[in-house]
N, C-alpha and C. Protein backbone atom coordinates (compact mmCIF):
# COMPACT_ATOMS: atom_id res chain seq x y z
N UNK A 1 -11.77 8.11 95.60
CA UNK A 1 -12.84 8.80 94.94
C UNK A 1 -12.73 9.17 93.51
N UNK A 2 -11.47 9.72 93.28
CA UNK A 2 -11.08 9.95 91.76
C UNK A 2 -11.09 8.82 90.98
N UNK A 3 -10.62 7.80 91.56
CA UNK A 3 -10.54 6.43 90.70
C UNK A 3 -12.01 5.97 90.39
N UNK A 4 -12.92 5.92 91.30
CA UNK A 4 -14.44 5.72 91.07
C UNK A 4 -14.93 6.64 89.99
N UNK A 5 -14.58 7.84 90.03
CA UNK A 5 -15.16 8.74 89.19
C UNK A 5 -14.66 8.48 87.68
N UNK A 6 -13.35 8.22 87.60
CA UNK A 6 -12.81 7.91 86.34
C UNK A 6 -13.26 6.62 85.68
N UNK A 7 -13.55 5.61 86.63
CA UNK A 7 -14.24 4.47 86.10
C UNK A 7 -15.74 4.73 85.64
N UNK A 8 -16.34 5.61 86.36
CA UNK A 8 -17.70 5.90 86.05
C UNK A 8 -17.61 6.67 84.53
N UNK A 9 -16.72 7.50 84.28
CA UNK A 9 -16.59 8.23 83.13
C UNK A 9 -16.45 7.10 82.01
N UNK A 10 -15.47 6.23 82.25
CA UNK A 10 -15.09 5.17 81.23
C UNK A 10 -16.26 4.35 80.81
N UNK A 11 -17.18 4.11 81.84
CA UNK A 11 -18.20 3.17 81.66
C UNK A 11 -19.41 4.07 80.76
N UNK A 12 -19.49 5.41 81.10
CA UNK A 12 -20.29 6.22 80.18
C UNK A 12 -19.78 6.27 78.74
N UNK A 13 -18.70 6.44 78.62
CA UNK A 13 -18.09 6.43 77.24
C UNK A 13 -18.43 5.19 76.50
N UNK A 14 -18.26 3.99 77.27
CA UNK A 14 -18.47 2.69 76.59
C UNK A 14 -20.04 2.69 76.21
N UNK A 15 -20.90 3.07 77.12
CA UNK A 15 -22.27 3.01 76.80
C UNK A 15 -22.60 3.79 75.73
N UNK A 16 -21.99 4.97 75.56
CA UNK A 16 -22.30 5.98 74.36
C UNK A 16 -21.72 5.18 73.11
N UNK A 17 -20.57 4.63 73.13
CA UNK A 17 -20.09 3.92 71.92
C UNK A 17 -20.99 2.79 71.50
N UNK A 18 -21.42 2.21 72.43
CA UNK A 18 -22.29 0.91 72.15
C UNK A 18 -23.59 1.57 71.75
N UNK A 19 -24.13 2.52 72.03
CA UNK A 19 -25.42 3.19 71.35
C UNK A 19 -25.07 3.56 69.99
N UNK A 20 -23.93 4.19 69.93
CA UNK A 20 -23.54 4.47 68.52
C UNK A 20 -23.33 3.45 67.59
N UNK A 21 -22.81 2.40 68.06
CA UNK A 21 -22.60 1.18 67.32
C UNK A 21 -23.93 0.48 66.87
N UNK A 22 -24.87 0.53 67.81
CA UNK A 22 -26.26 0.03 67.58
C UNK A 22 -27.02 0.82 66.39
N UNK A 23 -26.77 2.16 66.69
CA UNK A 23 -27.30 3.03 65.60
C UNK A 23 -26.84 2.90 64.18
N UNK A 24 -25.50 2.68 64.24
CA UNK A 24 -24.78 2.48 62.96
C UNK A 24 -25.27 1.17 62.29
N UNK A 25 -25.22 0.08 62.96
CA UNK A 25 -25.69 -1.13 62.47
C UNK A 25 -27.30 -1.06 61.92
N UNK A 26 -28.17 -0.30 62.68
CA UNK A 26 -29.35 -0.21 62.11
C UNK A 26 -29.38 0.67 60.89
N UNK A 27 -28.65 1.61 60.89
CA UNK A 27 -28.52 2.42 59.61
C UNK A 27 -28.16 1.53 58.48
N UNK A 28 -27.26 0.68 58.75
CA UNK A 28 -26.43 -0.15 57.60
C UNK A 28 -27.64 -1.12 57.04
N UNK A 29 -28.41 -1.70 58.10
CA UNK A 29 -29.38 -2.58 57.77
C UNK A 29 -30.51 -1.86 56.84
N UNK A 30 -30.86 -0.57 57.20
CA UNK A 30 -31.82 0.19 56.44
C UNK A 30 -31.16 0.41 55.04
N UNK A 31 -30.04 0.82 54.90
CA UNK A 31 -29.43 1.11 53.73
C UNK A 31 -29.26 -0.14 52.84
N UNK A 32 -28.97 -1.38 53.30
CA UNK A 32 -29.03 -2.56 52.61
C UNK A 32 -30.36 -2.80 51.98
N UNK A 33 -31.42 -2.66 52.83
CA UNK A 33 -32.77 -2.90 52.53
C UNK A 33 -33.15 -1.89 51.13
N UNK A 34 -32.87 -0.54 51.42
CA UNK A 34 -33.06 0.23 50.35
C UNK A 34 -32.34 -0.11 49.21
N UNK A 35 -31.22 -0.60 49.27
CA UNK A 35 -30.32 -1.07 48.03
C UNK A 35 -31.07 -2.39 47.37
N UNK A 36 -31.49 -3.18 48.18
CA UNK A 36 -32.24 -4.33 47.63
C UNK A 36 -33.45 -3.77 46.77
N UNK A 37 -34.28 -2.99 47.38
CA UNK A 37 -35.60 -2.60 46.94
C UNK A 37 -35.14 -1.75 45.51
N UNK A 38 -34.16 -1.04 45.65
CA UNK A 38 -33.73 -0.19 44.43
C UNK A 38 -33.40 -1.24 43.14
N UNK A 39 -32.64 -2.37 43.65
CA UNK A 39 -32.34 -3.15 42.65
C UNK A 39 -33.44 -3.75 41.98
N UNK A 40 -34.40 -4.18 42.87
CA UNK A 40 -35.65 -4.84 42.34
C UNK A 40 -36.34 -3.89 41.39
N UNK A 41 -36.52 -2.72 41.91
CA UNK A 41 -37.26 -1.69 41.11
C UNK A 41 -36.54 -1.51 39.75
N UNK A 42 -35.19 -1.41 39.78
CA UNK A 42 -34.36 -1.27 38.49
C UNK A 42 -34.62 -2.38 37.52
N UNK A 43 -34.48 -3.68 38.14
CA UNK A 43 -34.79 -4.94 37.27
C UNK A 43 -36.16 -4.85 36.67
N UNK A 44 -37.09 -4.42 37.46
CA UNK A 44 -38.58 -4.43 36.88
C UNK A 44 -38.84 -3.52 35.91
N UNK A 45 -38.23 -2.24 35.94
CA UNK A 45 -38.12 -1.22 35.02
C UNK A 45 -37.57 -1.62 33.83
N UNK A 46 -36.45 -2.33 33.76
CA UNK A 46 -35.60 -2.92 32.88
C UNK A 46 -36.38 -4.05 32.03
N UNK A 47 -37.13 -4.76 32.68
CA UNK A 47 -38.06 -5.76 32.10
C UNK A 47 -39.27 -5.09 31.32
N UNK A 48 -39.75 -4.12 31.91
CA UNK A 48 -40.90 -3.50 31.15
C UNK A 48 -40.43 -2.85 30.15
N UNK A 49 -39.22 -2.17 30.03
CA UNK A 49 -38.65 -1.56 28.95
C UNK A 49 -38.46 -2.34 27.81
N UNK A 50 -37.79 -3.74 28.05
CA UNK A 50 -37.67 -4.67 27.10
C UNK A 50 -38.96 -5.21 26.45
N UNK A 51 -39.93 -5.27 27.31
CA UNK A 51 -41.13 -5.73 26.71
C UNK A 51 -41.67 -4.76 25.85
N UNK A 52 -41.63 -3.52 26.07
CA UNK A 52 -42.07 -2.36 25.33
C UNK A 52 -41.26 -2.35 23.92
N UNK A 53 -40.03 -2.54 24.10
CA UNK A 53 -39.19 -2.35 22.84
C UNK A 53 -39.44 -3.54 21.95
N UNK A 54 -39.68 -4.78 22.62
CA UNK A 54 -39.97 -5.95 21.84
C UNK A 54 -41.38 -5.80 21.06
N UNK A 55 -42.26 -5.25 21.69
CA UNK A 55 -43.61 -5.02 21.08
C UNK A 55 -43.59 -4.16 19.87
N UNK A 56 -42.68 -2.89 20.11
CA UNK A 56 -42.47 -1.95 19.06
C UNK A 56 -41.83 -2.57 17.91
N UNK A 57 -40.97 -3.55 17.96
CA UNK A 57 -40.21 -4.27 16.97
C UNK A 57 -41.00 -5.27 16.19
N UNK A 58 -42.10 -5.74 16.79
CA UNK A 58 -43.02 -6.82 16.16
C UNK A 58 -43.97 -6.03 15.26
């Protein structure tokens, strides 16, 4: 009886760890997407700024 209960507890721990791992992976993917969008926004802003500076110089 005790052995079965211990096995059950271990399985529950594994399930929790798996769920935490899935959540961590999802968060990582979200952060990677945000980073890509931020880089794109930065590049776009820099291009616009360069264009404005070039217009002022002409």
